[in-house]
C-alpha cells in the first residue's frame, strides 16, 4: 500500500514539475462552468480556499490533518485546463492528508464520507514553486470523500463518480 501511494505521489509530482497539462478537450471531461472564479454562494476559509458542497455526504466524522483518505477528483487551472483526474484513470486516490498540497489538507478536513465538494485553491496553498510557469489558482471539481477516516482501504463506493 505504501509503495502504491509513493508511486502515485511521485507520478503526480513529476507531472507537475514538467508542466504536462492536459487540456479538458483531450481528457473528455469539460471544465466546470464556474472554473474561473468561485460563485457568490461559495464559502471561504480564513486561508482563502473557496468551496461549495455539491452533494452532502452521509458520514458524520471529518478526517483529521494526518488521516488517510480515499477520494475521487478532477483538477483544472482557472483557464479550464485539466491537469489531473482520478476519474479519467478509473481509480480513486488514497493518501494521508499531511502528504498533499496544503489546500487539500485543509479542504478535505471540511468533508464527510460521500460528500462531493468543489474547491478553488489559491496558489499559495496549491503548487507554489513546484514547476509552475506562473502562479495559478486550481479548481477541484466534485472532490468526493469515499472513505471515512480510520477505515482500511476499500474499493470505491458504487455511484461515486
N, C-alpha and C. Protein backbone atom coordinates (compact mmCIF):
# COMPACT_ATOMS: atom_id res chain seq x y z
N UNK A 1 0.82 -1.19 0.00
CA UNK A 1 0.00 0.00 0.00
C UNK A 1 0.87 1.25 0.00
N UNK A 2 1.92 1.25 0.85
CA UNK A 2 2.81 2.42 0.91
C UNK A 2 3.51 2.62 -0.42
N UNK A 3 3.96 1.53 -1.05
CA UNK A 3 4.63 1.66 -2.34
C UNK A 3 3.67 2.19 -3.39
N UNK A 4 2.41 1.73 -3.35
CA UNK A 4 1.41 2.20 -4.31
C UNK A 4 1.18 3.69 -4.13
N UNK A 5 1.07 4.13 -2.87
CA UNK A 5 0.90 5.55 -2.58
C UNK A 5 2.11 6.34 -3.05
N UNK A 6 3.30 5.85 -2.74
CA UNK A 6 4.53 6.56 -3.12
C UNK A 6 4.63 6.71 -4.64
N UNK A 7 4.29 5.67 -5.37
CA UNK A 7 4.34 5.75 -6.83
C UNK A 7 3.36 6.80 -7.35
N UNK A 8 2.18 6.87 -6.74
CA UNK A 8 1.19 7.87 -7.16
C UNK A 8 1.69 9.28 -6.87
N UNK A 9 2.30 9.46 -5.71
CA UNK A 9 2.81 10.79 -5.35
C UNK A 9 3.93 11.20 -6.29
N UNK A 10 4.85 10.28 -6.58
CA UNK A 10 5.96 10.58 -7.48
C UNK A 10 5.43 10.90 -8.88
N UNK A 11 4.48 10.11 -9.36
CA UNK A 11 3.93 10.35 -10.69
C UNK A 11 3.25 11.71 -10.77
N UNK A 12 2.51 12.07 -9.74
CA UNK A 12 1.85 13.37 -9.72
C UNK A 12 2.87 14.50 -9.67
N UNK A 13 3.88 14.36 -8.83
CA UNK A 13 4.91 15.39 -8.71
C UNK A 13 5.65 15.58 -10.03
N UNK A 14 5.97 14.49 -10.70
CA UNK A 14 6.67 14.59 -11.99
C UNK A 14 5.80 15.30 -13.01
N UNK A 15 4.52 14.96 -13.03
CA UNK A 15 3.61 15.61 -13.99
C UNK A 15 3.56 17.11 -13.78
N UNK A 16 3.53 17.54 -12.53
CA UNK A 16 3.51 18.97 -12.25
C UNK A 16 4.84 19.62 -12.54
N UNK A 17 5.93 18.97 -12.19
CA UNK A 17 7.25 19.56 -12.39
C UNK A 17 7.53 19.78 -13.87
N UNK A 18 7.11 18.88 -14.69
CA UNK A 18 7.34 19.00 -16.12
C UNK A 18 6.35 19.98 -16.75
N UNK A 19 5.26 20.22 -16.07
CA UNK A 19 4.26 21.15 -16.61
C UNK A 19 3.42 20.49 -17.68
N UNK A 20 3.20 19.19 -17.54
CA UNK A 20 2.46 18.46 -18.57
C UNK A 20 0.97 18.56 -18.31
N UNK A 21 0.42 19.68 -18.69
CA UNK A 21 -1.01 19.89 -18.54
C UNK A 21 -1.76 19.21 -19.69
N UNK A 22 -2.92 18.68 -19.37
CA UNK A 22 -3.77 18.05 -20.37
C UNK A 22 -4.99 18.94 -20.53
N UNK A 23 -5.31 19.31 -21.74
CA UNK A 23 -6.49 20.17 -21.92
C UNK A 23 -7.75 19.36 -21.67
N UNK A 24 -8.78 20.03 -21.19
CA UNK A 24 -10.01 19.32 -20.89
C UNK A 24 -10.63 18.73 -22.15
N UNK A 25 -10.37 19.32 -23.30
CA UNK A 25 -10.89 18.77 -24.55
C UNK A 25 -10.26 17.41 -24.83
N UNK A 26 -8.98 17.23 -24.53
CA UNK A 26 -8.31 15.96 -24.76
C UNK A 26 -8.75 14.92 -23.74
N UNK A 27 -9.08 15.32 -22.54
CA UNK A 27 -9.39 14.37 -21.48
C UNK A 27 -10.81 13.84 -21.55
N UNK A 28 -11.70 14.55 -22.22
CA UNK A 28 -13.08 14.13 -22.28
C UNK A 28 -13.92 14.65 -21.12
N UNK A 29 -13.32 15.34 -20.16
CA UNK A 29 -14.07 15.92 -19.05
C UNK A 29 -14.03 17.43 -19.18
N UNK A 30 -15.17 18.05 -19.41
CA UNK A 30 -15.17 19.51 -19.53
C UNK A 30 -14.93 20.17 -18.18
N UNK A 31 -14.36 21.35 -18.23
CA UNK A 31 -14.15 22.13 -17.00
C UNK A 31 -15.50 22.58 -16.46
N UNK A 32 -15.61 22.75 -15.15
CA UNK A 32 -16.86 23.26 -14.60
C UNK A 32 -17.15 24.66 -15.13
N UNK A 33 -18.42 25.04 -15.25
CA UNK A 33 -18.74 26.36 -15.79
C UNK A 33 -18.22 27.51 -14.92
N UNK A 34 -18.01 27.26 -13.63
CA UNK A 34 -17.53 28.30 -12.73
C UNK A 34 -16.04 28.16 -12.42
N UNK A 35 -15.28 27.60 -13.36
CA UNK A 35 -13.86 27.34 -13.13
C UNK A 35 -13.05 28.63 -12.93
N UNK A 36 -13.45 29.71 -13.55
CA UNK A 36 -12.68 30.97 -13.46
C UNK A 36 -12.71 31.59 -12.07
N UNK A 37 -13.82 31.45 -11.38
CA UNK A 37 -13.96 32.04 -10.04
C UNK A 37 -15.07 31.34 -9.28
N UNK A 38 -14.91 31.30 -7.98
CA UNK A 38 -15.94 30.69 -7.13
C UNK A 38 -17.23 31.50 -7.21
N UNK A 39 -18.39 30.84 -7.21
CA UNK A 39 -19.65 31.58 -7.24
C UNK A 39 -19.88 32.32 -5.92
N UNK A 40 -20.81 33.25 -5.94
CA UNK A 40 -21.07 34.08 -4.76
C UNK A 40 -21.54 33.26 -3.56
N UNK A 41 -22.19 32.12 -3.82
CA UNK A 41 -22.69 31.31 -2.70
C UNK A 41 -21.64 30.33 -2.16
N UNK A 42 -20.43 30.36 -2.69
CA UNK A 42 -19.37 29.51 -2.15
C UNK A 42 -18.91 30.06 -0.80
N UNK A 43 -18.55 29.16 0.09
CA UNK A 43 -18.00 29.57 1.39
C UNK A 43 -16.50 29.79 1.22
N UNK A 44 -15.91 30.52 2.16
CA UNK A 44 -14.48 30.80 2.08
C UNK A 44 -13.83 30.61 3.45
N UNK A 45 -12.68 29.93 3.46
CA UNK A 45 -11.95 29.75 4.71
C UNK A 45 -11.08 30.97 4.98
N UNK A 46 -10.57 31.07 6.18
CA UNK A 46 -9.71 32.21 6.52
C UNK A 46 -8.41 32.21 5.72
N UNK A 47 -8.00 31.05 5.22
CA UNK A 47 -6.76 30.96 4.43
C UNK A 47 -6.98 31.33 2.96
N UNK A 48 -8.25 31.44 2.53
CA UNK A 48 -8.54 31.84 1.15
C UNK A 48 -9.10 30.76 0.26
N UNK A 49 -9.29 29.55 0.77
CA UNK A 49 -9.90 28.48 -0.04
C UNK A 49 -11.39 28.76 -0.14
N UNK A 50 -11.90 28.76 -1.37
CA UNK A 50 -13.35 28.84 -1.58
C UNK A 50 -13.84 27.43 -1.82
N UNK A 51 -15.04 27.12 -1.35
CA UNK A 51 -15.57 25.78 -1.55
C UNK A 51 -17.09 25.79 -1.58
N UNK A 52 -17.62 24.81 -2.29
CA UNK A 52 -19.06 24.68 -2.40
C UNK A 52 -19.40 23.20 -2.34
N UNK A 53 -20.26 22.83 -1.40
CA UNK A 53 -20.71 21.44 -1.30
C UNK A 53 -21.71 21.21 -2.42
N UNK A 54 -21.41 20.24 -3.28
CA UNK A 54 -22.29 19.92 -4.41
C UNK A 54 -23.30 18.84 -4.03
N UNK A 55 -22.85 17.86 -3.24
CA UNK A 55 -23.71 16.79 -2.75
C UNK A 55 -23.33 16.51 -1.30
N UNK A 56 -24.27 16.66 -0.36
CA UNK A 56 -23.93 16.36 1.03
C UNK A 56 -23.63 14.87 1.20
N UNK A 57 -22.76 14.56 2.13
CA UNK A 57 -22.43 13.17 2.42
C UNK A 57 -23.22 12.64 3.60
N UNK A 58 -23.25 11.32 3.73
CA UNK A 58 -23.97 10.69 4.83
C UNK A 58 -23.09 10.50 6.06
N UNK A 59 -21.79 10.69 5.90
CA UNK A 59 -20.87 10.49 7.01
C UNK A 59 -21.06 11.52 8.11
N UNK A 60 -20.55 11.19 9.28
CA UNK A 60 -20.65 12.09 10.44
C UNK A 60 -19.28 12.60 10.88
N UNK A 61 -18.22 11.85 10.55
CA UNK A 61 -16.87 12.17 11.01
C UNK A 61 -16.09 12.91 9.94
N UNK A 62 -15.33 13.90 10.36
CA UNK A 62 -14.42 14.62 9.46
C UNK A 62 -13.02 14.05 9.63
N UNK A 63 -12.25 13.94 8.56
CA UNK A 63 -10.87 13.48 8.71
C UNK A 63 -10.03 14.53 9.44
N UNK A 64 -8.96 14.08 10.05
CA UNK A 64 -8.02 14.98 10.72
C UNK A 64 -6.85 15.30 9.80
N UNK A 65 -5.93 16.15 10.23
CA UNK A 65 -4.82 16.60 9.38
C UNK A 65 -3.84 15.50 8.96
N UNK A 66 -3.85 14.36 9.66
CA UNK A 66 -2.96 13.26 9.28
C UNK A 66 -3.74 12.01 8.86
N UNK A 67 -5.06 12.12 8.74
CA UNK A 67 -5.88 10.98 8.33
C UNK A 67 -5.52 10.53 6.92
N UNK A 68 -5.67 9.24 6.68
CA UNK A 68 -5.54 8.71 5.33
C UNK A 68 -6.95 8.65 4.75
N UNK A 69 -7.13 9.19 3.54
CA UNK A 69 -8.45 9.26 2.92
C UNK A 69 -8.39 8.70 1.50
N UNK A 70 -9.55 8.33 0.99
CA UNK A 70 -9.69 7.90 -0.40
C UNK A 70 -10.66 8.87 -1.07
N UNK A 71 -10.23 9.45 -2.19
CA UNK A 71 -11.06 10.43 -2.88
C UNK A 71 -11.04 10.20 -4.39
N UNK A 72 -12.08 10.67 -5.04
CA UNK A 72 -12.10 10.80 -6.50
C UNK A 72 -12.06 12.30 -6.77
N UNK A 73 -11.30 12.72 -7.76
CA UNK A 73 -11.15 14.15 -8.03
C UNK A 73 -10.80 14.39 -9.49
N UNK A 74 -11.04 15.62 -9.92
CA UNK A 74 -10.54 16.14 -11.19
C UNK A 74 -10.09 17.56 -10.91
N UNK A 75 -8.95 17.96 -11.47
CA UNK A 75 -8.41 19.29 -11.20
C UNK A 75 -8.16 20.07 -12.47
N UNK A 76 -8.50 21.37 -12.42
CA UNK A 76 -8.31 22.29 -13.53
C UNK A 76 -7.62 23.55 -13.05
N UNK A 77 -6.93 24.21 -13.95
CA UNK A 77 -6.49 25.57 -13.70
C UNK A 77 -7.68 26.47 -14.04
N UNK A 78 -7.64 27.72 -13.63
CA UNK A 78 -8.79 28.60 -13.86
C UNK A 78 -8.98 28.97 -15.32
N UNK A 79 -8.02 28.62 -16.18
CA UNK A 79 -8.23 28.83 -17.62
C UNK A 79 -8.85 27.60 -18.28
N UNK A 80 -9.29 26.64 -17.48
CA UNK A 80 -10.02 25.48 -18.00
C UNK A 80 -9.17 24.30 -18.41
N UNK A 81 -7.88 24.31 -18.13
CA UNK A 81 -7.01 23.18 -18.49
C UNK A 81 -6.98 22.15 -17.37
N UNK A 82 -7.38 20.92 -17.72
CA UNK A 82 -7.32 19.84 -16.75
C UNK A 82 -5.87 19.42 -16.58
N UNK A 83 -5.45 19.20 -15.33
CA UNK A 83 -4.08 18.74 -15.10
C UNK A 83 -4.01 17.39 -14.43
N UNK A 84 -5.10 16.91 -13.87
CA UNK A 84 -5.08 15.60 -13.23
C UNK A 84 -6.51 15.16 -12.96
N UNK A 85 -6.73 13.84 -12.97
CA UNK A 85 -8.06 13.33 -12.67
C UNK A 85 -8.00 11.85 -12.31
N UNK A 86 -8.46 11.51 -11.12
CA UNK A 86 -8.58 10.10 -10.75
C UNK A 86 -9.75 9.48 -11.50
N UNK A 87 -10.72 10.30 -11.87
CA UNK A 87 -11.90 9.82 -12.59
C UNK A 87 -11.50 9.27 -13.96
N UNK A 88 -10.66 10.01 -14.70
CA UNK A 88 -10.25 9.53 -16.03
C UNK A 88 -9.34 8.31 -15.92
N UNK A 89 -8.63 8.17 -14.81
CA UNK A 89 -7.80 6.98 -14.60
C UNK A 89 -8.64 5.79 -14.16
N UNK A 90 -9.86 6.07 -13.69
CA UNK A 90 -10.75 4.99 -13.26
C UNK A 90 -10.43 4.42 -11.89
N UNK A 91 -9.65 5.13 -11.10
CA UNK A 91 -9.28 4.63 -9.77
C UNK A 91 -9.13 5.80 -8.81
N UNK A 92 -9.81 5.73 -7.66
CA UNK A 92 -9.66 6.81 -6.68
C UNK A 92 -8.26 6.83 -6.10
N UNK A 93 -7.90 7.94 -5.50
CA UNK A 93 -6.58 8.11 -4.89
C UNK A 93 -6.71 7.98 -3.37
N UNK A 94 -5.75 7.30 -2.76
CA UNK A 94 -5.68 7.18 -1.31
C UNK A 94 -4.38 7.80 -0.84
N UNK A 95 -4.47 8.68 0.17
CA UNK A 95 -3.27 9.36 0.65
C UNK A 95 -3.50 9.92 2.04
N UNK A 96 -2.42 10.10 2.81
CA UNK A 96 -2.54 10.80 4.09
C UNK A 96 -2.60 12.30 3.83
N UNK A 97 -3.44 13.00 4.56
CA UNK A 97 -3.65 14.43 4.31
C UNK A 97 -2.43 15.29 4.60
N UNK A 98 -1.47 14.77 5.35
CA UNK A 98 -0.27 15.57 5.60
C UNK A 98 0.80 15.37 4.53
N UNK A 99 0.45 14.70 3.42
CA UNK A 99 1.40 14.46 2.33
C UNK A 99 0.92 15.04 1.00
N UNK A 100 -0.02 15.97 1.06
CA UNK A 100 -0.56 16.57 -0.16
C UNK A 100 -0.47 18.09 -0.04
N UNK A 101 -0.92 18.80 -1.07
CA UNK A 101 -0.87 20.26 -1.02
C UNK A 101 -1.68 20.78 0.18
N UNK A 102 -1.28 21.92 0.69
CA UNK A 102 -1.92 22.50 1.88
C UNK A 102 -3.42 22.71 1.68
N UNK A 103 -3.81 23.06 0.46
CA UNK A 103 -5.22 23.28 0.18
C UNK A 103 -6.06 22.02 0.35
N UNK A 104 -5.50 20.87 -0.02
CA UNK A 104 -6.21 19.61 0.19
C UNK A 104 -6.23 19.24 1.67
N UNK A 105 -5.09 19.43 2.34
CA UNK A 105 -5.04 19.11 3.77
C UNK A 105 -6.14 19.86 4.51
N UNK A 106 -6.28 21.13 4.21
CA UNK A 106 -7.31 21.95 4.86
C UNK A 106 -8.71 21.62 4.35
N UNK A 107 -8.87 21.56 3.05
CA UNK A 107 -10.20 21.39 2.47
C UNK A 107 -10.85 20.05 2.75
N UNK A 108 -10.10 18.97 2.62
CA UNK A 108 -10.69 17.64 2.82
C UNK A 108 -11.16 17.46 4.27
N UNK A 109 -10.53 18.15 5.21
CA UNK A 109 -10.97 18.05 6.61
C UNK A 109 -12.36 18.64 6.82
N UNK A 110 -12.84 19.43 5.88
CA UNK A 110 -14.18 20.00 5.96
C UNK A 110 -15.25 19.01 5.51
N UNK A 111 -14.83 17.91 4.89
CA UNK A 111 -15.75 16.97 4.26
C UNK A 111 -16.10 15.79 5.17
N UNK A 112 -17.19 15.09 4.79
CA UNK A 112 -17.56 13.82 5.41
C UNK A 112 -17.69 12.79 4.29
N UNK A 113 -17.73 11.52 4.65
CA UNK A 113 -17.81 10.45 3.67
C UNK A 113 -19.03 10.63 2.76
N UNK A 114 -18.81 10.45 1.45
CA UNK A 114 -19.87 10.56 0.46
C UNK A 114 -20.11 11.96 -0.07
N UNK A 115 -19.51 12.95 0.55
CA UNK A 115 -19.71 14.35 0.15
C UNK A 115 -18.95 14.66 -1.13
N UNK A 116 -19.57 15.48 -1.98
CA UNK A 116 -18.89 15.99 -3.17
C UNK A 116 -18.78 17.50 -3.01
N UNK A 117 -17.56 17.99 -3.09
CA UNK A 117 -17.30 19.41 -2.88
C UNK A 117 -16.38 19.92 -3.97
N UNK A 118 -16.63 21.14 -4.41
CA UNK A 118 -15.72 21.79 -5.36
C UNK A 118 -14.89 22.80 -4.57
N UNK A 119 -13.58 22.80 -4.81
CA UNK A 119 -12.65 23.71 -4.14
C UNK A 119 -11.96 24.61 -5.15
N UNK A 120 -11.78 25.87 -4.79
CA UNK A 120 -10.95 26.82 -5.52
C UNK A 120 -9.78 27.11 -4.59
N UNK A 121 -8.62 26.56 -4.90
CA UNK A 121 -7.47 26.64 -4.00
C UNK A 121 -6.48 27.66 -4.54
N UNK A 122 -6.21 28.73 -3.77
CA UNK A 122 -5.27 29.76 -4.25
C UNK A 122 -3.84 29.23 -4.32
N UNK A 123 -3.07 29.83 -5.18
CA UNK A 123 -1.70 29.40 -5.46
C UNK A 123 -0.84 29.18 -4.22
N UNK A 124 -0.88 30.02 -3.19
CA UNK A 124 -0.02 29.76 -2.02
C UNK A 124 -0.33 28.43 -1.32
N UNK A 125 -1.55 27.91 -1.49
CA UNK A 125 -1.94 26.64 -0.87
C UNK A 125 -1.96 25.50 -1.86
N UNK A 126 -1.54 25.78 -3.09
CA UNK A 126 -1.56 24.77 -4.15
C UNK A 126 -0.14 24.31 -4.45
N UNK A 127 0.32 24.55 -5.65
CA UNK A 127 1.61 24.00 -6.10
C UNK A 127 2.69 25.06 -6.20
N UNK A 128 2.69 26.02 -5.32
CA UNK A 128 3.67 27.11 -5.30
C UNK A 128 5.09 26.55 -5.39
N UNK A 129 5.82 27.04 -6.40
CA UNK A 129 7.22 26.67 -6.54
C UNK A 129 7.47 25.24 -6.97
N UNK A 130 6.48 24.57 -7.52
CA UNK A 130 6.66 23.17 -7.93
C UNK A 130 6.61 23.04 -9.45
N UNK A 131 7.34 23.89 -10.14
CA UNK A 131 7.46 23.74 -11.58
C UNK A 131 6.44 24.52 -12.39
N UNK A 132 5.55 25.24 -11.74
CA UNK A 132 4.57 26.01 -12.50
C UNK A 132 5.25 27.21 -13.14
N UNK A 133 4.79 27.57 -14.31
CA UNK A 133 5.38 28.70 -15.02
C UNK A 133 4.89 30.03 -14.48
N UNK A 134 3.71 30.06 -13.91
CA UNK A 134 3.18 31.29 -13.32
C UNK A 134 2.25 30.89 -12.18
N UNK A 135 1.98 31.81 -11.25
CA UNK A 135 1.07 31.48 -10.15
C UNK A 135 -0.31 31.11 -10.70
N UNK A 136 -0.92 30.10 -10.09
CA UNK A 136 -2.24 29.66 -10.53
C UNK A 136 -3.15 29.41 -9.34
N UNK A 137 -4.43 29.53 -9.57
CA UNK A 137 -5.43 29.03 -8.65
C UNK A 137 -5.92 27.74 -9.29
N UNK A 138 -6.10 26.70 -8.49
CA UNK A 138 -6.58 25.45 -9.05
C UNK A 138 -7.98 25.16 -8.55
N UNK A 139 -8.74 24.46 -9.38
CA UNK A 139 -10.11 24.13 -9.06
C UNK A 139 -10.25 22.62 -9.08
N UNK A 140 -10.74 22.05 -8.00
CA UNK A 140 -11.02 20.62 -7.97
C UNK A 140 -12.52 20.45 -8.02
N UNK A 141 -12.98 19.77 -9.07
CA UNK A 141 -14.41 19.56 -9.27
C UNK A 141 -14.83 18.26 -8.59
N UNK A 142 -15.88 18.34 -7.82
CA UNK A 142 -16.50 17.17 -7.22
C UNK A 142 -15.49 16.27 -6.53
N UNK A 143 -14.66 16.86 -5.70
CA UNK A 143 -13.78 16.06 -4.87
C UNK A 143 -14.70 15.26 -3.96
N UNK A 144 -14.68 13.94 -4.07
CA UNK A 144 -15.60 13.08 -3.34
C UNK A 144 -14.84 12.27 -2.31
N UNK A 145 -15.18 12.44 -1.05
CA UNK A 145 -14.58 11.64 0.01
C UNK A 145 -15.28 10.30 0.03
N UNK A 146 -14.55 9.24 -0.31
CA UNK A 146 -15.14 7.92 -0.44
C UNK A 146 -15.03 7.09 0.82
N UNK A 147 -14.11 7.43 1.69
CA UNK A 147 -13.83 6.57 2.82
C UNK A 147 -13.68 7.38 4.09
N UNK A 148 -14.30 6.92 5.14
CA UNK A 148 -14.18 7.60 6.43
C UNK A 148 -12.77 7.47 6.96
N UNK A 149 -12.32 8.45 7.73
CA UNK A 149 -11.01 8.37 8.34
C UNK A 149 -10.92 7.16 9.26
N UNK A 150 -9.77 6.49 9.23
CA UNK A 150 -9.53 5.36 10.11
C UNK A 150 -9.99 4.03 9.57
N UNK A 151 -10.76 4.01 8.49
CA UNK A 151 -11.19 2.76 7.88
C UNK A 151 -10.08 2.19 7.02
N UNK A 152 -9.96 0.86 6.93
CA UNK A 152 -8.97 0.30 6.00
C UNK A 152 -9.38 0.61 4.57
N UNK A 153 -8.42 0.58 3.66
CA UNK A 153 -8.69 0.87 2.26
C UNK A 153 -9.70 -0.10 1.68
N UNK A 154 -10.66 0.43 0.93
CA UNK A 154 -11.65 -0.39 0.26
C UNK A 154 -11.83 0.14 -1.15
N UNK A 155 -12.39 -0.67 -2.04
CA UNK A 155 -12.64 -0.16 -3.40
C UNK A 155 -13.62 1.01 -3.35
N UNK A 156 -13.67 1.79 -4.41
CA UNK A 156 -14.57 2.94 -4.50
C UNK A 156 -16.01 2.49 -4.29
N UNK A 157 -16.78 3.31 -3.62
CA UNK A 157 -18.19 3.02 -3.43
C UNK A 157 -18.92 3.16 -4.75
N UNK A 158 -19.95 2.36 -4.95
CA UNK A 158 -20.67 2.46 -6.22
C UNK A 158 -21.34 3.82 -6.33
N UNK A 159 -21.39 4.33 -7.53
CA UNK A 159 -22.01 5.62 -7.78
C UNK A 159 -21.21 6.80 -7.30
N UNK A 160 -19.91 6.63 -7.09
CA UNK A 160 -19.10 7.71 -6.52
C UNK A 160 -18.53 8.66 -7.54
N UNK A 161 -18.68 8.36 -8.80
CA UNK A 161 -18.09 9.22 -9.81
C UNK A 161 -18.97 10.33 -10.14
